[in-house]
N, C-alpha and C. Protein backbone atom coordinates (compact mmCIF):
# COMPACT_ATOMS: atom_id res chain seq x y z
N MET A 1 156.20 55.07 171.52
CA MET A 1 155.80 55.51 169.84
C MET A 1 154.25 56.03 169.84
N THR A 2 154.25 57.21 169.32
CA THR A 2 152.80 57.32 169.41
C THR A 2 151.80 56.83 168.15
N SER A 3 150.47 56.95 168.21
CA SER A 3 149.72 56.28 167.29
C SER A 3 149.77 56.66 166.01
N GLU A 4 150.19 58.17 165.64
CA GLU A 4 150.27 58.54 164.66
C GLU A 4 151.69 57.73 164.00
N GLY A 5 152.50 57.58 164.93
CA GLY A 5 153.89 57.13 164.58
C GLY A 5 154.06 55.76 164.00
N ASN A 6 153.10 55.12 164.82
CA ASN A 6 152.65 53.47 164.46
C ASN A 6 151.80 53.07 163.22
N ASP A 7 150.80 54.25 162.71
CA ASP A 7 150.17 54.26 161.46
C ASP A 7 151.33 54.54 160.27
N LYS A 8 152.20 55.63 160.82
CA LYS A 8 153.02 55.82 159.25
C LYS A 8 154.15 54.69 159.20
N ILE A 9 154.38 53.84 160.13
CA ILE A 9 155.37 52.66 160.23
C ILE A 9 154.73 51.79 159.45
N ARG A 10 153.40 51.30 159.84
CA ARG A 10 152.69 50.18 159.15
C ARG A 10 152.22 50.82 157.53
N LYS A 11 151.91 51.81 157.29
CA LYS A 11 151.75 52.34 156.15
C LYS A 11 153.01 51.87 154.95
N TYR A 12 153.99 52.37 155.58
CA TYR A 12 155.51 52.30 154.98
C TYR A 12 155.47 50.91 154.44
N LEU A 13 155.44 50.12 155.79
CA LEU A 13 155.75 48.30 155.46
C LEU A 13 154.78 47.87 154.55
N ILE A 14 153.81 48.19 154.40
CA ILE A 14 152.63 47.95 153.72
C ILE A 14 152.66 48.07 152.29
N ASP A 15 153.40 49.59 151.89
CA ASP A 15 153.52 50.31 150.53
C ASP A 15 154.81 49.57 150.00
N ILE A 16 156.00 48.88 150.79
CA ILE A 16 157.11 48.17 150.44
C ILE A 16 156.46 46.60 150.03
N LEU A 17 155.61 46.20 150.80
CA LEU A 17 155.24 45.05 150.34
C LEU A 17 154.34 44.87 149.38
N ARG A 18 153.74 45.71 149.04
CA ARG A 18 152.97 45.88 147.83
C ARG A 18 153.62 46.32 146.54
N TRP A 19 154.71 47.01 146.63
CA TRP A 19 155.92 47.13 145.21
C TRP A 19 156.78 46.14 145.14
N ILE A 20 157.08 44.96 146.27
CA ILE A 20 157.46 43.75 145.75
C ILE A 20 156.49 42.74 145.23
N ILE A 21 155.47 42.86 145.77
CA ILE A 21 154.32 42.01 145.04
C ILE A 21 154.15 42.03 143.71
N ILE A 22 153.72 43.45 143.20
CA ILE A 22 153.89 44.06 141.95
C ILE A 22 155.08 43.39 141.03
N ILE A 23 156.38 43.49 141.46
CA ILE A 23 157.68 43.30 140.56
C ILE A 23 157.59 41.73 140.55
N LEU A 24 157.28 40.95 141.67
CA LEU A 24 157.34 39.39 141.50
C LEU A 24 156.20 39.08 140.90
N SER A 25 155.01 39.63 140.59
CA SER A 25 154.07 39.22 139.81
C SER A 25 154.42 39.59 138.40
N ILE A 26 154.78 40.41 138.17
CA ILE A 26 155.46 40.75 136.57
C ILE A 26 156.36 39.62 136.18
N LEU A 27 157.47 39.33 137.07
CA LEU A 27 158.34 38.52 136.74
C LEU A 27 157.73 36.90 136.73
N LEU A 28 156.62 36.79 137.33
CA LEU A 28 156.33 35.44 137.28
C LEU A 28 155.38 35.10 136.13
N ILE A 29 154.70 36.31 135.67
CA ILE A 29 153.95 36.29 134.44
C ILE A 29 155.21 36.32 133.16
N VAL A 30 156.27 37.14 133.37
CA VAL A 30 157.32 36.81 131.95
C VAL A 30 157.79 35.61 131.98
N PHE A 31 158.18 34.83 133.12
CA PHE A 31 158.54 33.41 133.09
C PHE A 31 157.53 32.39 132.26
N ILE A 32 156.22 32.58 133.01
CA ILE A 32 155.36 31.68 132.18
C ILE A 32 155.15 32.15 130.76
N SER A 33 155.09 33.11 130.46
CA SER A 33 155.11 33.43 128.94
C SER A 33 156.12 33.11 128.24
N VAL A 34 157.52 33.17 128.74
CA VAL A 34 158.81 32.72 128.32
C VAL A 34 158.86 31.30 127.90
N ASP A 35 158.24 30.32 128.94
CA ASP A 35 158.08 29.04 129.10
C ASP A 35 157.15 28.61 127.77
N THR A 36 155.98 29.38 127.87
CA THR A 36 154.94 28.70 127.03
C THR A 36 155.52 28.87 125.28
N PHE A 37 156.17 30.26 124.96
CA PHE A 37 156.79 30.31 123.57
C PHE A 37 158.04 29.46 123.58
N THR A 38 158.79 29.05 124.26
CA THR A 38 159.76 28.18 124.04
C THR A 38 159.51 26.52 124.14
N GLY A 39 158.10 26.13 124.85
CA GLY A 39 157.65 24.76 124.87
C GLY A 39 158.84 24.20 126.20
N VAL A 40 159.36 24.81 127.14
CA VAL A 40 160.29 24.17 128.43
C VAL A 40 159.33 23.48 128.99
N ASN A 41 159.41 22.43 129.72
CA ASN A 41 158.85 21.79 130.65
C ASN A 41 159.28 22.29 132.13
N PHE A 42 158.11 23.32 132.47
CA PHE A 42 158.54 23.90 133.80
C PHE A 42 159.31 23.30 134.95
N LEU A 43 158.49 21.82 135.10
CA LEU A 43 158.58 21.06 136.16
C LEU A 43 160.20 20.75 136.02
N GLU A 44 160.82 20.56 134.94
CA GLU A 44 162.13 20.28 134.52
C GLU A 44 163.19 21.37 134.90
N SER A 45 162.38 22.62 135.28
CA SER A 45 163.55 24.10 135.24
C SER A 45 163.81 24.16 136.61
N ARG A 46 164.50 23.96 137.23
CA ARG A 46 164.93 24.35 138.44
C ARG A 46 164.81 25.66 139.00
N ARG A 47 165.43 26.27 137.77
CA ARG A 47 165.10 27.87 138.31
C ARG A 47 163.86 28.24 138.34
N TYR A 48 162.97 27.82 137.55
CA TYR A 48 161.68 28.70 137.55
C TYR A 48 161.03 27.92 138.81
N MET A 49 160.88 26.45 138.91
CA MET A 49 160.45 26.21 140.13
C MET A 49 161.07 26.80 141.71
N THR A 50 162.30 26.94 141.74
CA THR A 50 162.77 27.49 143.07
C THR A 50 162.62 29.33 142.80
N PHE A 51 162.25 29.61 141.70
CA PHE A 51 161.68 31.24 141.83
C PHE A 51 160.25 30.95 142.29
N GLN A 52 159.56 30.08 141.29
CA GLN A 52 158.07 30.48 142.23
C GLN A 52 157.64 29.73 143.23
N PHE A 53 158.48 28.79 143.87
CA PHE A 53 158.53 28.63 145.28
C PHE A 53 158.89 29.81 146.06
N TRP A 54 159.54 30.55 146.13
CA TRP A 54 159.93 31.57 146.79
C TRP A 54 158.85 32.75 146.69
N VAL A 55 158.11 32.83 145.47
CA VAL A 55 157.29 33.94 145.38
C VAL A 55 156.19 33.42 145.97
N CYS A 56 155.95 32.20 146.27
CA CYS A 56 154.76 31.60 147.08
C CYS A 56 155.08 31.92 148.59
N VAL A 57 156.22 31.63 149.01
CA VAL A 57 156.67 32.18 150.26
C VAL A 57 156.68 33.56 150.73
N ILE A 58 156.69 34.40 149.88
CA ILE A 58 156.96 36.01 149.89
C ILE A 58 155.28 36.50 150.12
N PHE A 59 154.56 35.63 148.86
CA PHE A 59 153.12 36.07 148.89
C PHE A 59 152.27 35.59 150.30
N MET A 60 152.52 34.33 150.64
CA MET A 60 152.25 33.83 152.25
C MET A 60 152.56 34.83 153.25
N ALA A 61 153.85 35.33 153.11
CA ALA A 61 154.27 36.06 154.05
C ALA A 61 153.77 37.60 154.07
N ASP A 62 153.46 38.12 152.89
CA ASP A 62 152.83 39.32 152.68
C ASP A 62 151.21 39.22 153.22
N PHE A 63 150.54 38.01 153.01
CA PHE A 63 149.21 37.71 153.58
C PHE A 63 149.45 37.88 155.13
N PHE A 64 150.17 37.26 155.63
CA PHE A 64 150.00 37.26 157.20
C PHE A 64 150.72 38.55 158.00
N ILE A 65 151.53 39.31 157.05
CA ILE A 65 151.78 40.37 157.64
C ILE A 65 150.68 41.47 157.43
N GLU A 66 150.08 41.46 156.33
CA GLU A 66 148.89 42.49 156.15
C GLU A 66 147.75 42.12 157.15
N LEU A 67 147.69 41.02 157.48
CA LEU A 67 146.57 40.50 158.35
C LEU A 67 146.76 41.05 159.89
N THR A 68 148.32 40.94 160.24
CA THR A 68 148.61 40.85 161.33
C THR A 68 148.28 43.12 161.70
N LEU A 69 148.67 43.56 160.61
CA LEU A 69 148.54 45.08 160.37
C LEU A 69 147.31 45.66 160.21
N SER A 70 146.13 44.77 159.85
CA SER A 70 145.02 45.28 159.17
C SER A 70 144.42 45.38 160.61
N ALA A 71 143.32 46.62 160.31
CA ALA A 71 142.19 47.06 161.46
C ALA A 71 141.20 46.16 161.80
N ASN A 72 140.83 45.55 160.39
CA ASN A 72 140.06 44.20 160.48
C ASN A 72 140.19 43.45 159.76
N ARG A 73 140.82 42.52 160.78
CA ARG A 73 141.35 41.11 160.17
C ARG A 73 140.36 40.14 159.71
N TRP A 74 139.14 40.22 160.15
CA TRP A 74 138.34 39.16 159.62
C TRP A 74 137.98 39.82 158.38
N GLY A 75 137.74 41.13 158.08
CA GLY A 75 137.41 41.52 156.58
C GLY A 75 138.26 41.37 155.71
N TYR A 76 139.69 41.43 156.38
CA TYR A 76 140.76 41.22 155.54
C TYR A 76 140.96 39.79 154.94
N VAL A 77 140.72 38.60 155.96
CA VAL A 77 140.71 37.30 155.30
C VAL A 77 139.62 37.13 154.50
N ARG A 78 138.43 37.68 154.40
CA ARG A 78 137.48 37.22 153.74
C ARG A 78 137.57 37.87 152.23
N SER A 79 138.43 39.01 152.21
CA SER A 79 138.69 39.81 150.62
C SER A 79 139.68 39.28 150.36
N HIS A 80 140.41 38.60 150.89
CA HIS A 80 142.04 37.90 150.20
C HIS A 80 142.20 36.42 150.54
N PHE A 81 140.94 35.66 150.88
CA PHE A 81 141.26 34.27 151.09
C PHE A 81 141.55 33.53 149.90
N LEU A 82 141.28 34.09 148.82
CA LEU A 82 141.51 33.39 147.62
C LEU A 82 142.91 33.54 146.94
N TYR A 83 143.61 35.00 147.77
CA TYR A 83 144.64 35.36 147.35
C TYR A 83 145.61 34.40 148.20
N PHE A 84 145.26 33.97 149.38
CA PHE A 84 145.70 32.90 150.12
C PHE A 84 145.81 31.77 149.54
N LEU A 85 144.49 30.98 149.07
CA LEU A 85 144.73 29.77 148.42
C LEU A 85 145.66 29.68 147.15
N LEU A 86 145.87 30.84 146.40
CA LEU A 86 146.43 30.81 145.00
C LEU A 86 148.16 31.00 145.58
N SER A 87 148.49 31.26 147.03
CA SER A 87 149.89 31.45 147.34
C SER A 87 150.28 29.97 147.51
N ILE A 88 149.68 29.06 147.69
CA ILE A 88 150.03 27.83 148.08
C ILE A 88 151.07 27.13 146.77
N PRO A 89 152.03 26.68 147.30
CA PRO A 89 153.13 26.28 146.11
C PRO A 89 152.56 24.93 145.49
N TYR A 90 151.63 24.92 144.62
CA TYR A 90 150.99 23.51 144.24
C TYR A 90 151.99 23.05 143.40
N LEU A 91 152.67 23.39 142.33
CA LEU A 91 153.65 23.03 141.59
C LEU A 91 154.96 22.48 142.18
N ASN A 92 155.30 23.00 143.28
CA ASN A 92 156.15 22.03 144.21
C ASN A 92 155.60 20.99 144.70
N LEU A 93 154.24 21.13 145.25
CA LEU A 93 153.95 19.91 145.61
C LEU A 93 153.61 18.81 144.83
N ILE A 94 153.15 19.17 143.54
CA ILE A 94 153.10 18.21 142.55
C ILE A 94 154.50 17.56 142.51
N ASP A 95 155.56 18.51 142.38
CA ASP A 95 156.81 17.80 142.08
C ASP A 95 157.32 16.90 143.19
N ILE A 96 157.13 17.53 144.40
CA ILE A 96 157.68 16.57 145.64
C ILE A 96 156.79 15.13 145.76
N LEU A 97 155.64 15.26 145.26
CA LEU A 97 154.94 13.89 145.50
C LEU A 97 154.65 13.05 144.30
N HIS A 98 155.68 13.62 143.04
CA HIS A 98 155.61 12.70 141.74
C HIS A 98 154.11 12.38 141.23
N ILE A 99 153.47 13.46 141.19
CA ILE A 99 152.12 13.29 140.77
C ILE A 99 152.32 13.54 139.19
N HIS A 100 151.73 12.39 138.35
CA HIS A 100 152.06 12.24 136.78
C HIS A 100 150.72 13.23 136.20
N LEU A 101 151.42 14.10 135.79
CA LEU A 101 149.84 14.93 134.88
C LEU A 101 150.40 14.93 133.25
N THR A 102 149.34 15.12 132.32
CA THR A 102 149.67 14.92 130.83
C THR A 102 150.17 16.36 130.82
N PRO A 103 150.83 16.68 129.50
CA PRO A 103 151.41 18.17 129.36
C PRO A 103 150.35 19.08 129.19
N GLU A 104 149.04 18.67 128.73
CA GLU A 104 148.13 19.93 128.60
C GLU A 104 147.42 20.41 130.19
N GLN A 105 147.54 18.97 131.08
CA GLN A 105 147.30 19.39 132.57
C GLN A 105 148.49 19.98 133.43
N LEU A 106 149.46 19.65 132.81
CA LEU A 106 150.57 20.75 133.35
C LEU A 106 150.31 22.34 132.67
N PHE A 107 150.15 22.34 131.55
CA PHE A 107 149.97 23.66 131.18
C PHE A 107 148.99 24.46 131.65
N PHE A 108 147.83 23.89 132.28
CA PHE A 108 146.99 24.82 133.13
C PHE A 108 146.99 24.75 134.56
N VAL A 109 147.86 23.94 134.93
CA VAL A 109 148.06 23.68 136.33
C VAL A 109 149.44 25.24 136.61
N ARG A 110 150.17 25.37 135.44
CA ARG A 110 150.95 26.45 135.54
C ARG A 110 150.46 27.70 135.62
N PHE A 111 149.17 27.86 135.31
CA PHE A 111 148.21 29.05 135.12
C PHE A 111 147.85 29.31 136.45
N ILE A 112 148.21 28.41 137.24
CA ILE A 112 147.72 28.72 139.15
C ILE A 112 149.08 29.99 139.67
N PRO A 113 150.12 29.94 139.44
CA PRO A 113 151.23 31.02 139.58
C PRO A 113 150.51 32.11 138.68
N LEU A 114 150.31 32.09 137.55
CA LEU A 114 150.07 33.37 136.64
C LEU A 114 148.37 33.81 136.87
N ALA A 115 147.43 33.23 137.63
CA ALA A 115 146.54 33.66 138.16
C ALA A 115 146.61 34.27 139.58
N ARG A 116 147.54 33.73 140.31
CA ARG A 116 148.22 34.24 141.82
C ARG A 116 148.83 35.66 141.37
N GLY A 117 149.84 35.70 140.28
CA GLY A 117 150.35 37.01 140.29
C GLY A 117 148.85 38.01 139.70
N VAL A 118 148.31 37.59 138.57
CA VAL A 118 147.30 38.92 138.32
C VAL A 118 146.71 39.18 139.31
N MET A 119 146.17 38.33 140.27
CA MET A 119 145.14 38.61 141.54
C MET A 119 145.74 39.65 142.61
N ALA A 120 147.49 39.21 142.74
CA ALA A 120 148.11 40.10 143.52
C ALA A 120 148.14 41.54 143.05
N MET A 121 148.31 41.47 141.57
CA MET A 121 148.68 42.90 141.03
C MET A 121 147.38 43.78 141.26
N THR A 122 146.40 43.20 140.82
CA THR A 122 144.90 43.71 140.78
C THR A 122 144.68 44.22 142.28
N ILE A 123 144.87 43.40 143.15
CA ILE A 123 144.84 43.85 144.54
C ILE A 123 145.67 44.96 145.01
N VAL A 124 146.84 44.77 144.65
CA VAL A 124 148.08 45.72 145.08
C VAL A 124 147.94 47.17 144.36
N VAL A 125 147.42 46.88 142.97
CA VAL A 125 147.51 48.38 142.56
C VAL A 125 145.93 49.18 142.64
N GLY A 126 145.28 48.28 142.76
CA GLY A 126 144.07 49.11 143.36
C GLY A 126 144.11 49.65 144.75
N ALA A 127 144.83 49.08 145.43
CA ALA A 127 145.05 49.68 146.98
C ALA A 127 145.89 50.80 147.02
N ILE A 128 146.79 51.02 145.90
CA ILE A 128 147.84 52.20 145.79
C ILE A 128 147.22 53.53 146.03
N SER A 129 146.25 53.48 145.39
CA SER A 129 145.46 55.10 145.36
C SER A 129 144.51 54.87 146.38
N GLU A 130 144.51 56.45 147.00
CA GLU A 130 143.61 56.59 148.07
C GLU A 130 141.92 56.90 147.43
N ASN A 131 142.00 57.40 146.31
CA ASN A 131 140.78 57.73 145.55
C ASN A 131 140.19 56.27 145.13
N LYS A 132 139.12 56.22 145.59
CA LYS A 132 138.40 55.20 145.11
C LYS A 132 138.05 54.77 143.84
N LEU A 133 137.71 55.92 143.09
CA LEU A 133 137.49 56.14 141.62
C LEU A 133 138.99 55.75 140.65
N THR A 134 139.69 55.91 141.34
CA THR A 134 141.01 55.75 140.63
C THR A 134 141.73 54.48 141.04
N SER A 135 141.46 54.03 142.23
CA SER A 135 141.65 52.96 142.40
C SER A 135 140.94 51.46 141.77
N PHE A 136 139.36 51.98 141.41
CA PHE A 136 138.62 50.90 140.81
C PHE A 136 139.03 50.86 139.31
N LEU A 137 139.46 52.02 138.73
CA LEU A 137 139.87 52.13 137.26
C LEU A 137 141.23 51.28 137.11
N MET A 138 142.44 51.58 138.11
CA MET A 138 143.63 50.95 137.90
C MET A 138 143.32 49.33 138.20
N SER A 139 142.49 48.95 138.93
CA SER A 139 142.13 47.26 139.18
C SER A 139 141.21 47.00 137.90
N TYR A 140 140.32 47.53 137.84
CA TYR A 140 140.11 47.26 136.31
C TYR A 140 140.56 46.78 135.06
N ILE A 141 141.69 48.02 135.16
CA ILE A 141 142.73 47.90 133.57
C ILE A 141 143.31 46.70 133.66
N VAL A 142 144.20 46.64 135.19
CA VAL A 142 144.95 45.37 135.32
C VAL A 142 144.16 44.18 134.95
N SER A 143 143.17 44.04 135.46
CA SER A 143 142.14 42.76 135.29
C SER A 143 141.74 42.68 133.92
N LEU A 144 141.58 43.47 133.07
CA LEU A 144 141.05 43.42 131.99
C LEU A 144 142.36 43.11 131.20
N ALA A 145 143.33 43.60 131.08
CA ALA A 145 144.42 43.51 130.37
C ALA A 145 144.94 42.06 130.51
N SER A 146 144.89 41.44 132.07
CA SER A 146 145.35 40.43 132.51
C SER A 146 144.44 39.19 131.74
N PHE A 147 143.19 39.39 131.80
CA PHE A 147 142.17 38.51 131.20
C PHE A 147 142.30 38.18 129.82
N ILE A 148 142.90 39.27 128.99
CA ILE A 148 142.81 39.05 127.51
C ILE A 148 144.02 38.38 127.12
N TYR A 149 145.14 38.97 128.03
CA TYR A 149 146.75 38.44 127.62
C TYR A 149 146.65 36.98 128.32
N LEU A 150 146.01 36.34 128.99
CA LEU A 150 145.92 34.82 129.45
C LEU A 150 145.16 34.06 128.32
N GLY A 151 143.64 34.81 128.24
CA GLY A 151 143.25 34.21 126.89
C GLY A 151 143.93 33.90 125.81
N SER A 152 144.95 34.98 125.45
CA SER A 152 145.60 34.78 124.11
C SER A 152 146.81 33.85 124.37
N LEU A 153 147.45 33.85 125.63
CA LEU A 153 148.42 32.69 125.94
C LEU A 153 147.92 31.28 125.65
N LEU A 154 146.33 31.32 126.35
CA LEU A 154 146.06 30.21 126.35
C LEU A 154 145.65 29.32 124.96
N PHE A 155 145.05 30.52 123.97
CA PHE A 155 144.84 30.17 122.69
C PHE A 155 145.97 29.90 122.01
N TYR A 156 146.92 30.51 121.93
CA TYR A 156 148.38 30.14 121.32
C TYR A 156 148.81 28.94 121.49
N TYR A 157 148.88 28.53 122.77
CA TYR A 157 149.36 27.21 123.13
C TYR A 157 148.74 25.89 122.25
N CYS A 158 146.98 26.10 122.49
CA CYS A 158 146.41 25.44 122.04
C CYS A 158 146.08 25.27 120.71
N GLU A 159 146.01 26.21 119.89
CA GLU A 159 145.91 26.30 118.51
C GLU A 159 147.18 26.35 117.37
N SER A 160 148.32 27.05 118.28
CA SER A 160 149.52 27.13 117.44
C SER A 160 149.83 25.49 116.75
N GLY A 161 150.27 25.27 115.69
CA GLY A 161 150.48 23.98 115.08
C GLY A 161 149.55 23.14 114.44
N VAL A 162 148.21 23.82 115.03
CA VAL A 162 147.28 22.90 114.50
C VAL A 162 146.06 23.94 113.77
N ASN A 163 145.87 25.12 114.03
CA ASN A 163 145.30 25.91 113.24
C ASN A 163 146.32 26.68 112.39
N THR A 164 146.01 26.70 110.81
CA THR A 164 146.95 27.28 110.15
C THR A 164 146.90 28.80 110.25
N ALA A 165 145.84 29.28 110.69
CA ALA A 165 145.48 31.01 110.84
C ALA A 165 146.24 31.53 111.99
N VAL A 166 147.03 30.46 113.16
CA VAL A 166 147.86 31.31 114.15
C VAL A 166 149.07 30.81 113.83
N THR A 167 149.26 31.35 113.17
CA THR A 167 151.37 31.36 112.77
C THR A 167 152.03 31.79 114.09
N ASP A 168 151.76 32.91 114.98
CA ASP A 168 152.55 33.69 115.87
C ASP A 168 151.64 34.35 116.96
N PHE A 169 152.47 34.43 118.15
CA PHE A 169 151.49 34.90 119.58
C PHE A 169 150.83 36.13 118.83
N GLY A 170 151.48 36.98 117.97
CA GLY A 170 150.78 38.45 117.86
C GLY A 170 149.34 38.26 117.42
N LEU A 171 148.98 36.92 116.53
CA LEU A 171 147.84 36.85 115.86
C LEU A 171 146.73 36.49 117.24
N ALA A 172 147.53 35.28 118.04
CA ALA A 172 146.50 34.99 119.21
C ALA A 172 146.04 36.15 120.01
N LEU A 173 146.95 36.83 120.10
CA LEU A 173 146.79 38.19 120.86
C LEU A 173 145.51 39.29 120.22
N TRP A 174 145.79 39.09 118.95
CA TRP A 174 144.50 39.75 118.20
C TRP A 174 143.26 39.10 118.71
N TRP A 175 143.46 37.81 118.25
CA TRP A 175 142.22 37.18 118.31
C TRP A 175 141.55 37.36 119.53
N ALA A 176 142.40 37.16 120.88
CA ALA A 176 141.83 37.65 122.18
C ALA A 176 140.98 38.98 122.44
N CYS A 177 141.91 39.98 122.09
CA CYS A 177 141.21 41.53 121.94
C CYS A 177 139.85 41.83 120.97
N MET A 178 140.16 40.83 119.83
CA MET A 178 138.78 41.25 119.24
C MET A 178 137.35 40.31 119.94
N ASN A 179 137.70 39.15 120.53
CA ASN A 179 136.71 38.83 121.39
C ASN A 179 136.25 38.93 122.27
N ALA A 180 137.24 39.75 123.07
CA ALA A 180 137.04 40.50 124.45
C ALA A 180 136.17 41.59 124.17
N THR A 181 136.37 42.22 123.23
CA THR A 181 135.63 43.70 122.64
C THR A 181 134.14 43.14 121.97
N THR A 182 134.05 41.99 121.85
CA THR A 182 133.08 40.96 120.78
C THR A 182 132.92 41.84 119.54
N LEU A 183 133.95 42.21 119.16
CA LEU A 183 133.95 42.61 117.53
C LEU A 183 134.03 41.46 116.51
N GLY A 184 134.49 40.47 117.13
CA GLY A 184 134.67 39.01 116.00
C GLY A 184 136.06 39.14 115.25
N CYS A 185 136.41 38.17 115.11
CA CYS A 185 137.90 38.18 114.39
C CYS A 185 137.33 37.21 113.40
N ASP A 186 138.70 37.08 112.42
CA ASP A 186 138.50 36.46 111.02
C ASP A 186 139.31 34.96 111.27
N ILE A 187 139.76 34.92 112.40
CA ILE A 187 140.57 33.52 112.76
C ILE A 187 139.49 32.90 113.66
N TYR A 188 139.43 31.75 113.15
CA TYR A 188 138.26 30.58 113.85
C TYR A 188 139.09 29.41 114.76
N PRO A 189 138.67 29.08 115.95
CA PRO A 189 139.34 28.16 116.87
C PRO A 189 139.06 26.88 116.28
N VAL A 190 140.09 26.01 116.08
CA VAL A 190 139.53 24.85 115.73
C VAL A 190 139.66 23.54 116.87
N THR A 191 140.26 23.91 118.05
CA THR A 191 140.14 22.86 119.04
C THR A 191 139.11 23.18 119.90
N VAL A 192 138.76 22.31 120.94
CA VAL A 192 137.72 22.75 121.93
C VAL A 192 137.72 23.63 122.83
N THR A 193 139.25 23.64 123.27
CA THR A 193 139.50 24.55 124.40
C THR A 193 139.59 25.89 123.65
N GLY A 194 139.92 26.37 122.28
CA GLY A 194 140.21 27.25 121.70
C GLY A 194 138.50 27.92 121.43
N LYS A 195 137.67 26.71 121.27
CA LYS A 195 136.23 27.54 121.21
C LYS A 195 135.53 27.99 122.28
N ILE A 196 135.95 26.98 123.48
CA ILE A 196 135.66 27.51 124.82
C ILE A 196 136.12 28.80 125.26
N LEU A 197 137.49 28.86 124.95
CA LEU A 197 138.15 30.61 125.36
C LEU A 197 137.48 31.56 124.27
N GLY A 198 136.99 31.46 123.24
CA GLY A 198 136.63 32.17 122.58
C GLY A 198 134.92 32.46 123.27
N CYS A 199 134.28 31.84 123.69
CA CYS A 199 132.89 32.02 124.54
C CYS A 199 133.13 32.93 125.78
N ILE A 200 134.47 32.28 126.57
CA ILE A 200 134.62 33.02 127.78
C ILE A 200 134.98 34.52 127.87
N LEU A 201 135.90 34.75 126.44
CA LEU A 201 136.28 36.16 126.32
C LEU A 201 135.22 36.90 126.06
N SER A 202 134.63 36.63 125.19
CA SER A 202 133.26 37.31 124.61
C SER A 202 132.29 37.48 125.76
N VAL A 203 132.11 36.62 126.76
CA VAL A 203 131.12 36.96 127.88
C VAL A 203 131.98 37.85 128.69
N GLY A 204 133.40 37.45 129.24
CA GLY A 204 133.95 38.38 130.03
C GLY A 204 134.06 39.67 129.54
N GLY A 205 134.28 39.86 128.41
CA GLY A 205 134.18 41.27 127.81
C GLY A 205 132.95 41.98 127.53
N ILE A 206 131.79 41.19 127.58
CA ILE A 206 130.57 41.96 127.90
C ILE A 206 130.19 42.50 129.09
N ILE A 207 130.90 41.67 130.33
CA ILE A 207 130.80 42.12 131.55
C ILE A 207 131.85 43.02 131.84
N MET A 208 132.91 43.01 131.58
CA MET A 208 133.96 43.80 131.71
C MET A 208 134.26 45.41 131.25
N PHE A 209 133.96 45.47 130.19
CA PHE A 209 133.89 46.69 129.47
C PHE A 209 132.59 47.75 130.22
N PRO A 210 131.58 47.16 130.04
CA PRO A 210 130.65 48.41 130.97
C PRO A 210 130.96 48.93 132.10
N LEU A 211 131.91 48.41 132.56
CA LEU A 211 132.40 49.04 133.75
C LEU A 211 133.28 49.92 134.06
N PHE A 212 133.78 50.33 132.65
CA PHE A 212 134.37 51.80 132.23
C PHE A 212 133.19 52.72 132.29
N THR A 213 132.34 52.19 131.67
CA THR A 213 130.95 53.30 131.57
C THR A 213 130.51 53.67 132.95
N VAL A 214 130.71 52.86 133.84
CA VAL A 214 130.36 53.15 135.03
C VAL A 214 131.10 54.19 135.74
N TYR A 215 132.54 53.89 135.47
CA TYR A 215 133.68 54.63 136.04
C TYR A 215 133.62 56.21 135.50
N ILE A 216 133.27 56.54 134.21
CA ILE A 216 133.12 57.58 133.82
C ILE A 216 132.15 58.33 134.40
N THR A 217 130.73 57.61 134.58
CA THR A 217 129.48 58.06 134.86
C THR A 217 129.95 58.18 136.37
N ALA A 218 130.88 57.79 137.20
CA ALA A 218 130.77 58.28 138.54
C ALA A 218 131.92 59.28 138.49
N LEU A 219 132.98 59.42 137.53
CA LEU A 219 133.86 60.64 137.62
C LEU A 219 133.12 61.82 137.22
N ILE A 220 132.19 61.70 136.26
CA ILE A 220 131.30 63.07 136.04
C ILE A 220 130.57 63.45 137.08
N ARG A 221 129.78 62.50 137.83
CA ARG A 221 128.96 62.82 139.23
C ARG A 221 129.92 63.69 140.34
N GLN A 222 131.12 63.01 140.33
CA GLN A 222 131.88 63.56 141.52
C GLN A 222 132.43 64.86 140.85
N TYR A 223 133.00 65.21 139.66
CA TYR A 223 133.28 66.47 139.05
C TYR A 223 132.00 67.56 139.35
N THR A 224 130.90 66.88 138.96
CA THR A 224 129.69 67.95 138.92
C THR A 224 129.24 68.47 140.30
N LYS A 225 129.37 67.25 141.60
CA LYS A 225 129.14 67.79 142.82
C LYS A 225 130.37 68.86 143.20
N THR A 226 131.46 68.43 143.00
CA THR A 226 132.48 69.30 143.32
C THR A 226 132.45 70.87 142.62
N HIS A 227 132.11 70.68 141.45
CA HIS A 227 131.66 72.12 140.80
C HIS A 227 130.77 73.08 141.22
N LYS A 228 129.49 72.18 141.76
CA LYS A 228 128.48 72.91 142.13
C LYS A 228 128.86 73.42 143.70
N PHE A 229 130.02 72.65 144.30
CA PHE A 229 130.14 73.07 145.57
C PHE A 229 130.98 74.24 145.66
N TYR A 230 131.71 74.40 144.73
CA TYR A 230 132.54 75.67 144.48
C TYR A 230 132.28 77.14 143.97
N GLN A 231 131.01 76.46 143.34
CA GLN A 231 130.11 77.74 142.91
C GLN A 231 129.08 78.47 143.78
N GLN A 232 128.77 77.53 144.91
CA GLN A 232 128.20 77.92 146.10
C GLN A 232 129.04 78.69 146.77
């Protein structure tokens, strides 16, 4: 088989793996969200534990397959090492080793798979497009949306039942959006975790939103450069 044929097969396999990772990441986020809203102890849910275990297995398999197919393996390891660490099935290890954690600790441990799913989507979505600017924007949108959604889930879990202003998830999502955009909100956190989240979302928003300006600026420069080329 020719080198060009091998490259096509490799690209085809990687594309299939990336779409599988995206679908599994979305399902993982849905599972965690439902458990948060219903208050289910996910360690007691065999269905969830089995599902997230096989997600970890597939994510790790994806890591090693893409590592094998990568032209620069050390570069791939450096850029995907955190992805590999997040793919380890920590929840199953906690369950097997019978490690006792408080409900609050369990809730935050549950966000390890969620962080895994978010990071996987960010990497995969950004790699789908061959255009660097488009790839940057897609990764940015996924990261920002995930950042806000994750903050709203944590805020809802910590403040619901304690803060009279937080009566449903919609209000928690509104609070997270307003803090991430640094506009502020008339809902004030009463728990320590909620207050810390407010600071993190605000700082994260200050860091992340200007990236959109960078993208627009780069897009305008690219358009201007291309337009001048055709004029010549």
